Amino acid sequence: MKTLKVIFSLFLLGTIKVATAQYDNTPTPLPIPESSPPTGYFVFGFGFTQPMYRFASENYAGYGGYALPGNSFSLSLGAPIMHSNFGVALMYSYNWNKYDINGYVSNIQFSDQSNTYNPVSDDSYRESMIMGGLFATIPIQRLSIDFRAMGGVAMCTLPEVAYEMDATSVTASQNFYWDTYGSKTAAFASDFGADLRFRIHRTVLMAGVDYINTTPTVSTTQVYTDQYGNSTYTRVSGGIPISMMSYNLGIGYQFR
């Protein structure tokens, strides 16, 4: 009799546990995804540049400014140090922005409406930059968010600025003519940028933005020729601030 009671008690206890388990609504915890290891990259990018501040100014009376939106391409490398989230960044970039000679001459025309001025040159600002520095990366599965700060050298080609004014004398041999020669110079450059990288196997797609700044020192000559052919030469010197936002898309290779 005692044996039957023990068996009945065990059966009843098991039934209660099964019923309790059936009505247990506690959610099963989801597995926590493993964090992605930091990765490096080599990317070819291309995009456009937006001049900033005095570089874009069209109110400046001297040499400089009047830069229009332009284009760029770059080769960039980021390599983590000892599998950490920090590493070395390297970049070569080439940027070019047309000089708005029409805007420049329009300002001169506005200040002297008794004469007629015409643009002559059609030139651009061009900068080749080689920079190195540090980068930090935040990996999230296939996506990586990168930040970088770099410094280096900018080899700048500054534009020729030439325009003329119609002759005012019937005995003139030509129009009045002003020509500020183009020049080449080098200066320190800095870059602060951020990227989004998306990995597809070993291929990486990148979208990024950079703020680029340099101030090359210009040393050139302006030639003024009057309507009778007499020329006067004037030295032009000083710093030319060049700053821009560069927006790029790129494709490349991702490595550990």
C-alpha atoms as a PDB file:
ATOM      1  CA  MET A   1       0.000   0.000   0.000  1.00  0.00           C
ATOM      2  CA  LYS A   2       2.847   2.339   0.855  1.00  0.00           C
ATOM      3  CA  THR A   3       4.468   1.519  -2.467  1.00  0.00           C
ATOM      4  CA  LEU A   4       1.324   2.538  -4.356  1.00  0.00           C
ATOM      5  CA  LYS A   5       1.203   5.833  -2.437  1.00  0.00           C
ATOM      6  CA  VAL A   6       4.826   6.579  -3.307  1.00  0.00           C
ATOM      7  CA  ILE A   7       4.238   5.813  -6.987  1.00  0.00           C
ATOM      8  CA  PHE A   8       1.074   7.960  -7.056  1.00  0.00           C
ATOM      9  CA  SER A   9       2.908  10.858  -5.354  1.00  0.00           C
ATOM     10  CA  LEU A  10       5.762  10.727  -7.881  1.00  0.00           C
ATOM     11  CA  PHE A  11       3.288  10.606 -10.787  1.00  0.00           C
ATOM     12  CA  LEU A  12       1.382  13.607  -9.412  1.00  0.00           C
ATOM     13  CA  LEU A  13       4.593  15.597  -8.876  1.00  0.00           C
ATOM     14  CA  GLY A  14       5.736  14.894 -12.432  1.00  0.00           C
ATOM     15  CA  THR A  15       2.387  15.962 -13.849  1.00  0.00           C
ATOM     16  CA  ILE A  16       2.549  19.294 -11.989  1.00  0.00           C
ATOM     17  CA  LYS A  17       6.110  19.964 -13.310  1.00  0.00           C
ATOM     18  CA  VAL A  18       5.076  19.207 -16.897  1.00  0.00           C
ATOM     19  CA  ALA A  19       2.065  21.509 -16.633  1.00  0.00           C
ATOM     20  CA  THR A  20       4.177  24.265 -15.113  1.00  0.00           C
ATOM     21  CA  ALA A  21       6.709  23.944 -17.913  1.00  0.00           C
ATOM     22  CA  GLN A  22       3.958  24.183 -20.553  1.00  0.00           C
ATOM     23  CA  TYR A  23       2.758  27.509 -19.140  1.00  0.00           C
ATOM     24  CA  ASP A  24       6.187  29.018 -18.550  1.00  0.00           C
ATOM     25  CA  ASN A  25       6.302  32.115 -20.830  1.00  0.00           C
ATOM     26  CA  THR A  26       9.839  33.192 -19.954  1.00  0.00           C
ATOM     27  CA  PRO A  27      11.461  34.158 -23.321  1.00  0.00           C
ATOM     28  CA  THR A  28      14.519  32.273 -24.428  1.00  0.00           C
ATOM     29  CA  PRO A  29      17.467  34.711 -24.483  1.00  0.00           C
ATOM     30  CA  LEU A  30      18.829  35.443 -27.945  1.00  0.00           C
ATOM     31  CA  PRO A  31      22.455  34.620 -28.613  1.00  0.00           C
ATOM     32  CA  ILE A  32      24.753  37.626 -28.379  1.00  0.00           C
ATOM     33  CA  PRO A  33      26.620  38.086 -31.670  1.00  0.00           C
ATOM     34  CA  GLU A  34      30.344  37.958 -31.481  1.00  0.00           C
ATOM     35  CA  SER A  35      32.097  41.294 -31.991  1.00  0.00           C
ATOM     36  CA  SER A  36      33.860  41.679 -35.340  1.00  0.00           C
ATOM     37  CA  PRO A  37      37.656  41.986 -35.329  1.00  0.00           C
ATOM     38  CA  PRO A  38      39.149  45.257 -36.599  1.00  0.00           C
ATOM     39  CA  THR A  39      40.244  45.158 -40.232  1.00  0.00           C
ATOM     40  CA  GLY A  40      42.460  47.161 -42.562  1.00  0.00           C
ATOM     41  CA  TYR A  41      41.769  48.371 -46.091  1.00  0.00           C
ATOM     42  CA  PHE A  42      43.207  49.647 -49.355  1.00  0.00           C
ATOM     43  CA  VAL A  43      40.720  51.748 -51.355  1.00  0.00           C
ATOM     44  CA  PHE A  44      40.580  53.740 -54.577  1.00  0.00           C
ATOM     45  CA  GLY A  45      38.081  56.583 -54.260  1.00  0.00           C
ATOM     46  CA  PHE A  46      36.639  59.319 -56.430  1.00  0.00           C
ATOM     47  CA  GLY A  47      34.216  62.149 -55.780  1.00  0.00           C
ATOM     48  CA  PHE A  48      33.762  65.906 -55.660  1.00  0.00           C
ATOM     49  CA  THR A  49      35.078  68.788 -53.565  1.00  0.00           C
ATOM     50  CA  GLN A  50      33.276  71.800 -52.122  1.00  0.00           C
ATOM     51  CA  PRO A  51      35.519  74.859 -51.489  1.00  0.00           C
ATOM     52  CA  MET A  52      35.168  76.434 -48.048  1.00  0.00           C
ATOM     53  CA  TYR A  53      35.746  79.841 -46.430  1.00  0.00           C
ATOM     54  CA  ARG A  54      38.180  82.202 -48.200  1.00  0.00           C
ATOM     55  CA  PHE A  55      38.999  79.557 -50.827  1.00  0.00           C
ATOM     56  CA  ALA A  56      35.408  79.867 -52.072  1.00  0.00           C
ATOM     57  CA  SER A  57      35.082  83.614 -51.480  1.00  0.00           C
ATOM     58  CA  GLU A  58      34.147  85.738 -54.486  1.00  0.00           C
ATOM     59  CA  ASN A  59      34.526  89.041 -52.668  1.00  0.00           C
ATOM     60  CA  TYR A  60      38.285  88.888 -52.286  1.00  0.00           C
ATOM     61  CA  ALA A  61      40.071  91.579 -54.305  1.00  0.00           C
ATOM     62  CA  GLY A  62      43.570  90.062 -54.321  1.00  0.00           C
ATOM     63  CA  TYR A  63      45.000  86.871 -55.777  1.00  0.00           C
ATOM     64  CA  GLY A  64      43.245  83.783 -54.412  1.00  0.00           C
ATOM     65  CA  GLY A  65      39.720  82.585 -53.700  1.00  0.00           C
ATOM     66  CA  TYR A  66      37.109  82.203 -56.464  1.00  0.00           C
ATOM     67  CA  ALA A  67      37.371  78.395 -56.385  1.00  0.00           C
ATOM     68  CA  LEU A  68      34.425  76.476 -57.835  1.00  0.00           C
ATOM     69  CA  PRO A  69      33.250  72.974 -56.814  1.00  0.00           C
ATOM     70  CA  GLY A  70      35.574  70.407 -58.335  1.00  0.00           C
ATOM     71  CA  ASN A  71      36.611  66.772 -58.430  1.00  0.00           C
ATOM     72  CA  SER A  72      39.027  64.466 -56.671  1.00  0.00           C
ATOM     73  CA  PHE A  73      40.403  60.964 -56.592  1.00  0.00           C
ATOM     74  CA  SER A  74      42.408  59.227 -53.890  1.00  0.00           C
ATOM     75  CA  LEU A  75      44.290  56.099 -52.862  1.00  0.00           C
ATOM     76  CA  SER A  76      43.984  55.390 -49.146  1.00  0.00           C
ATOM     77  CA  LEU A  77      45.279  52.752 -46.742  1.00  0.00           C
ATOM     78  CA  GLY A  78      44.374  51.943 -43.147  1.00  0.00           C
ATOM     79  CA  ALA A  79      46.232  49.246 -41.206  1.00  0.00           C
ATOM     80  CA  PRO A  80      45.401  48.281 -37.598  1.00  0.00           C
ATOM     81  CA  ILE A  81      48.306  47.933 -35.162  1.00  0.00           C
ATOM     82  CA  MET A  82      48.464  44.525 -33.407  1.00  0.00           C
ATOM     83  CA  HIS A  83      44.787  43.746 -34.142  1.00  0.00           C
ATOM     84  CA  SER A  84      43.653  46.800 -32.139  1.00  0.00           C
ATOM     85  CA  ASN A  85      41.041  49.388 -33.097  1.00  0.00           C
ATOM     86  CA  PHE A  86      43.798  51.918 -33.834  1.00  0.00           C
ATOM     87  CA  GLY A  87      46.288  52.008 -36.656  1.00  0.00           C
ATOM     88  CA  VAL A  88      48.177  53.874 -39.343  1.00  0.00           C
ATOM     89  CA  ALA A  89      46.456  55.812 -42.158  1.00  0.00           C
ATOM     90  CA  LEU A  90      48.074  56.820 -45.457  1.00  0.00           C
ATOM     91  CA  MET A  91      46.532  58.711 -48.365  1.00  0.00           C
ATOM     92  CA  TYR A  92      47.398  60.162 -51.745  1.00  0.00           C
ATOM     93  CA  SER A  93      44.779  62.522 -53.150  1.00  0.00           C
ATOM     94  CA  TYR A  94      44.505  64.737 -56.211  1.00  0.00           C
ATOM     95  CA  ASN A  95      41.992  67.597 -56.262  1.00  0.00           C
ATOM     96  CA  TRP A  96      41.174  70.223 -58.837  1.00  0.00           C
ATOM     97  CA  ASN A  97      38.841  73.225 -58.731  1.00  0.00           C
ATOM     98  CA  LYS A  98      38.179  75.655 -61.563  1.00  0.00           C
ATOM     99  CA  TYR A  99      39.012  79.312 -60.921  1.00  0.00           C
ATOM    100  CA  ASP A 100      35.890  81.429 -61.465  1.00  0.00           C
ATOM    101  CA  ILE A 101      37.444  83.998 -63.772  1.00  0.00           C
ATOM    102  CA  ASN A 102      33.974  85.137 -64.870  1.00  0.00           C
ATOM    103  CA  GLY A 103      33.015  85.948 -61.271  1.00  0.00           C
ATOM    104  CA  TYR A 104      36.324  87.739 -60.715  1.00  0.00           C
ATOM    105  CA  VAL A 105      35.944  89.911 -63.827  1.00  0.00           C
ATOM    106  CA  SER A 106      32.272  90.597 -63.013  1.00  0.00           C
ATOM    107  CA  ASN A 107      33.335  92.098 -59.687  1.00  0.00           C
ATOM    108  CA  ILE A 108      35.865  94.330 -61.444  1.00  0.00           C
ATOM    109  CA  GLN A 109      33.221  95.327 -63.998  1.00  0.00           C
ATOM    110  CA  PHE A 110      30.775  96.190 -61.213  1.00  0.00           C
ATOM    111  CA  SER A 111      33.330  98.534 -59.610  1.00  0.00           C
ATOM    112  CA  ASP A 112      34.162 100.236 -62.949  1.00  0.00           C
ATOM    113  CA  GLN A 113      31.052 100.320 -65.110  1.00  0.00           C
ATOM    114  CA  SER A 114      32.420 103.020 -67.394  1.00  0.00           C
ATOM    115  CA  ASN A 115      34.725 100.471 -69.065  1.00  0.00           C
ATOM    116  CA  THR A 116      34.266  96.978 -70.492  1.00  0.00           C
ATOM    117  CA  TYR A 117      36.226  94.041 -69.032  1.00  0.00           C
ATOM    118  CA  ASN A 118      36.519  90.523 -70.444  1.00  0.00           C
ATOM    119  CA  PRO A 119      37.980  87.290 -68.982  1.00  0.00           C
ATOM    120  CA  VAL A 120      40.892  85.679 -70.811  1.00  0.00           C
ATOM    121  CA  SER A 121      42.273  82.758 -68.778  1.00  0.00           C
ATOM    122  CA  ASP A 122      40.530  79.459 -68.000  1.00  0.00           C
ATOM    123  CA  ASP A 123      42.564  77.779 -65.294  1.00  0.00           C
ATOM    124  CA  SER A 124      42.222  75.687 -62.114  1.00  0.00           C
ATOM    125  CA  TYR A 125      43.620  75.085 -58.661  1.00  0.00           C
ATOM    126  CA  ARG A 126      45.247  71.636 -58.493  1.00  0.00           C
ATOM    127  CA  GLU A 127      46.680  69.903 -55.427  1.00  0.00           C
ATOM    128  CA  SER A 128      48.531  66.603 -55.087  1.00  0.00           C
ATOM    129  CA  MET A 129      48.638  65.586 -51.421  1.00  0.00           C
ATOM    130  CA  ILE A 130      50.641  62.855 -49.701  1.00  0.00           C
ATOM    131  CA  MET A 131      49.619  62.403 -46.072  1.00  0.00           C
ATOM    132  CA  GLY A 132      49.996  60.004 -43.184  1.00  0.00           C
ATOM    133  CA  GLY A 133      48.624  59.749 -39.672  1.00  0.00           C
ATOM    134  CA  LEU A 134      46.426  57.709 -37.356  1.00  0.00           C
ATOM    135  CA  PHE A 135      43.045  56.083 -37.739  1.00  0.00           C
ATOM    136  CA  ALA A 136      40.506  54.475 -35.415  1.00  0.00           C
ATOM    137  CA  THR A 137      37.929  51.904 -36.474  1.00  0.00           C
ATOM    138  CA  ILE A 138      34.712  50.577 -34.953  1.00  0.00           C
ATOM    139  CA  PRO A 139      33.760  47.202 -36.525  1.00  0.00           C
ATOM    140  CA  ILE A 140      30.092  46.158 -36.503  1.00  0.00           C
ATOM    141  CA  GLN A 141      29.626  42.853 -38.319  1.00  0.00           C
ATOM    142  CA  ARG A 142      30.245  43.621 -42.037  1.00  0.00           C
ATOM    143  CA  LEU A 143      30.282  47.381 -41.404  1.00  0.00           C
ATOM    144  CA  SER A 144      33.211  49.432 -40.103  1.00  0.00           C
ATOM    145  CA  ILE A 145      33.177  53.088 -39.063  1.00  0.00           C
ATOM    146  CA  ASP A 146      36.568  54.767 -39.478  1.00  0.00           C
ATOM    147  CA  PHE A 147      37.999  58.074 -38.282  1.00  0.00           C
ATOM    148  CA  ARG A 148      41.381  59.494 -39.293  1.00  0.00           C
ATOM    149  CA  ALA A 149      43.636  62.498 -38.753  1.00  0.00           C
ATOM    150  CA  MET A 150      46.579  63.050 -41.084  1.00  0.00           C
ATOM    151  CA  GLY A 151      49.218  65.547 -42.060  1.00  0.00           C
ATOM    152  CA  GLY A 152      51.637  65.785 -44.953  1.00  0.00           C
ATOM    153  CA  VAL A 153      52.683  67.780 -47.979  1.00  0.00           C
ATOM    154  CA  ALA A 154      50.543  69.430 -50.651  1.00  0.00           C
ATOM    155  CA  MET A 155      52.102  70.151 -54.038  1.00  0.00           C
ATOM    156  CA  CYS A 156      49.934  72.957 -55.381  1.00  0.00           C
ATOM    157  CA  THR A 157      49.515  74.384 -58.856  1.00  0.00           C
ATOM    158  CA  LEU A 158      47.948  77.831 -58.577  1.00  0.00           C
ATOM    159  CA  PRO A 159      45.914  79.268 -61.471  1.00  0.00           C
ATOM    160  CA  GLU A 160      46.785  81.893 -64.027  1.00  0.00           C
ATOM    161  CA  VAL A 161      44.407  84.851 -63.769  1.00  0.00           C
ATOM    162  CA  ALA A 162      44.200  86.951 -66.949  1.00  0.00           C
ATOM    163  CA  TYR A 163      41.646  89.517 -68.141  1.00  0.00           C
ATOM    164  CA  GLU A 164      41.482  92.559 -70.379  1.00  0.00           C
ATOM    165  CA  MET A 165      39.729  95.882 -70.731  1.00  0.00           C
ATOM    166  CA  ASP A 166      38.649  97.381 -74.060  1.00  0.00           C
ATOM    167  CA  ALA A 167      40.928 100.110 -75.366  1.00  0.00           C
ATOM    168  CA  THR A 168      39.747 103.669 -74.801  1.00  0.00           C
ATOM    169  CA  SER A 169      41.842 105.427 -77.456  1.00  0.00           C
ATOM    170  CA  VAL A 170      41.445 105.355 -81.225  1.00  0.00           C
ATOM    171  CA  THR A 171      45.241 105.258 -81.530  1.00  0.00           C
ATOM    172  CA  ALA A 172      45.576 102.240 -79.201  1.00  0.00           C
ATOM    173  CA  SER A 173      47.457  99.204 -80.490  1.00  0.00           C
ATOM    174  CA  GLN A 174      45.707  96.704 -78.205  1.00  0.00           C
ATOM    175  CA  ASN A 175      43.396  96.312 -75.199  1.00  0.00           C
ATOM    176  CA  PHE A 176      44.531  96.861 -71.631  1.00  0.00           C
ATOM    177  CA  TYR A 177      45.726  93.513 -70.289  1.00  0.00           C
ATOM    178  CA  TRP A 178      46.373  92.041 -66.808  1.00  0.00           C
ATOM    179  CA  ASP A 179      47.992  88.624 -66.404  1.00  0.00           C
ATOM    180  CA  THR A 180      48.924  87.073 -63.044  1.00  0.00           C
ATOM    181  CA  TYR A 181      51.073  84.078 -63.892  1.00  0.00           C
ATOM    182  CA  GLY A 182      50.266  80.637 -62.536  1.00  0.00           C
ATOM    183  CA  SER A 183      52.795  79.058 -60.205  1.00  0.00           C
ATOM    184  CA  LYS A 184      53.721  75.876 -58.348  1.00  0.00           C
ATOM    185  CA  THR A 185      54.471  75.621 -54.647  1.00  0.00           C
ATOM    186  CA  ALA A 186      54.408  73.190 -51.724  1.00  0.00           C
ATOM    187  CA  ALA A 187      52.955  73.488 -48.235  1.00  0.00           C
ATOM    188  CA  PHE A 188      51.928  71.498 -45.185  1.00  0.00           C
ATOM    189  CA  ALA A 189      48.437  69.947 -45.514  1.00  0.00           C
ATOM    190  CA  SER A 190      46.056  68.441 -42.953  1.00  0.00           C
ATOM    191  CA  ASP A 191      43.104  66.094 -43.334  1.00  0.00           C
ATOM    192  CA  PHE A 192      40.353  65.023 -40.932  1.00  0.00           C
ATOM    193  CA  GLY A 193      37.990  62.380 -42.251  1.00  0.00           C
ATOM    194  CA  ALA A 194      35.441  59.664 -41.552  1.00  0.00           C
ATOM    195  CA  ASP A 195      34.367  56.622 -43.594  1.00  0.00           C
ATOM    196  CA  LEU A 196      31.760  53.912 -43.682  1.00  0.00           C
ATOM    197  CA  ARG A 197      33.136  50.592 -44.982  1.00  0.00           C
ATOM    198  CA  PHE A 198      30.974  47.652 -45.987  1.00  0.00           C
ATOM    199  CA  ARG A 199      32.609  44.272 -46.610  1.00  0.00           C
ATOM    200  CA  ILE A 200      31.527  41.792 -49.297  1.00  0.00           C
ATOM    201  CA  HIS A 201      33.955  38.890 -48.856  1.00  0.00           C
ATOM    202  CA  ARG A 202      37.328  40.625 -49.359  1.00  0.00           C
ATOM    203  CA  THR A 203      35.899  43.472 -51.425  1.00  0.00           C
ATOM    204  CA  VAL A 204      35.091  46.671 -49.558  1.00  0.00           C
ATOM    205  CA  LEU A 205      32.752  49.509 -50.547  1.00  0.00           C
ATOM    206  CA  MET A 206      33.442  52.851 -48.917  1.00  0.00           C
ATOM    207  CA  ALA A 207      31.691  56.211 -48.538  1.00  0.00           C
ATOM    208  CA  GLY A 208      33.628  58.989 -46.861  1.00  0.00           C
ATOM    209  CA  VAL A 209      34.017  62.681 -46.169  1.00  0.00           C
ATOM    210  CA  ASP A 210      37.220  64.649 -45.519  1.00  0.00           C
ATOM    211  CA  TYR A 211      38.043  68.199 -44.496  1.00  0.00           C
ATOM    212  CA  ILE A 212      41.287  69.219 -46.235  1.00  0.00           C
ATOM    213  CA  ASN A 213      43.280  72.348 -45.471  1.00  0.00           C
ATOM    214  CA  THR A 214      46.539  73.868 -46.700  1.00  0.00           C
ATOM    215  CA  THR A 215      47.970  77.372 -47.098  1.00  0.00           C
ATOM    216  CA  PRO A 216      50.616  77.508 -49.826  1.00  0.00           C
ATOM    217  CA  THR A 217      52.759  80.617 -50.210  1.00  0.00           C
ATOM    218  CA  VAL A 218      52.449  82.132 -53.660  1.00  0.00           C
ATOM    219  CA  SER A 219      55.328  83.943 -55.340  1.00  0.00           C
ATOM    220  CA  THR A 220      54.526  85.042 -58.873  1.00  0.00           C
ATOM    221  CA  THR A 221      54.310  88.042 -61.170  1.00  0.00           C
ATOM    222  CA  GLN A 222      51.464  90.141 -62.523  1.00  0.00           C
ATOM    223  CA  VAL A 223      52.029  91.818 -65.888  1.00  0.00           C
ATOM    224  CA  TYR A 224      49.992  94.906 -66.744  1.00  0.00           C
ATOM    225  CA  THR A 225      50.132  96.008 -70.387  1.00  0.00           C
ATOM    226  CA  ASP A 226      48.499  99.261 -71.414  1.00  0.00           C
ATOM    227  CA  GLN A 227      46.707  99.929 -74.693  1.00  0.00           C
ATOM    228  CA  TYR A 228      49.952 101.072 -76.323  1.00  0.00           C
ATOM    229  CA  GLY A 229      51.905  97.912 -75.474  1.00  0.00           C
ATOM    230  CA  ASN A 230      53.866  99.219 -72.475  1.00  0.00           C
ATOM    231  CA  SER A 231      54.230  96.599 -69.712  1.00  0.00           C
ATOM    232  CA  THR A 232      54.663  96.887 -65.944  1.00  0.00           C
ATOM    233  CA  TYR A 233      55.690  93.933 -63.766  1.00  0.00           C
ATOM    234  CA  THR A 234      54.560  93.547 -60.151  1.00  0.00           C
ATOM    235  CA  ARG A 235      55.468  90.811 -57.691  1.00  0.00           C
ATOM    236  CA  VAL A 236      52.545  88.944 -56.079  1.00  0.00           C
ATOM    237  CA  SER A 237      53.217  87.067 -52.856  1.00  0.00           C
ATOM    238  CA  GLY A 238      51.486  85.841 -49.707  1.00  0.00           C
ATOM    239  CA  GLY A 239      49.562  82.898 -48.358  1.00  0.00           C
ATOM    240  CA  ILE A 240      46.648  81.407 -50.283  1.00  0.00           C
ATOM    241  CA  PRO A 241      44.229  79.558 -47.940  1.00  0.00           C
ATOM    242  CA  ILE A 242      42.895  76.380 -49.584  1.00  0.00           C
ATOM    243  CA  SER A 243      40.230  74.508 -47.627  1.00  0.00           C
ATOM    244  CA  MET A 244      37.531  72.158 -48.877  1.00  0.00           C
ATOM    245  CA  MET A 245      35.195  69.327 -48.036  1.00  0.00           C
ATOM    246  CA  SER A 246      35.810  66.223 -50.125  1.00  0.00           C
ATOM    247  CA  TYR A 247      33.009  63.653 -50.578  1.00  0.00           C
ATOM    248  CA  ASN A 248      34.107  60.290 -51.968  1.00  0.00           C
ATOM    249  CA  LEU A 249      32.899  56.842 -52.935  1.00  0.00           C
ATOM    250  CA  GLY A 250      35.417  54.048 -53.210  1.00  0.00           C
ATOM    251  CA  ILE A 251      36.054  50.373 -53.821  1.00  0.00           C
ATOM    252  CA  GLY A 252      38.981  48.314 -52.640  1.00  0.00           C
ATOM    253  CA  TYR A 253      40.352  45.376 -50.690  1.00  0.00           C
ATOM    254  CA  GLN A 254      39.908  44.613 -46.988  1.00  0.00           C
ATOM    255  CA  PHE A 255      42.440  42.669 -44.906  1.00  0.00           C
ATOM    256  CA  ARG A 256      43.010  41.637 -41.282  1.00  0.00           C
END
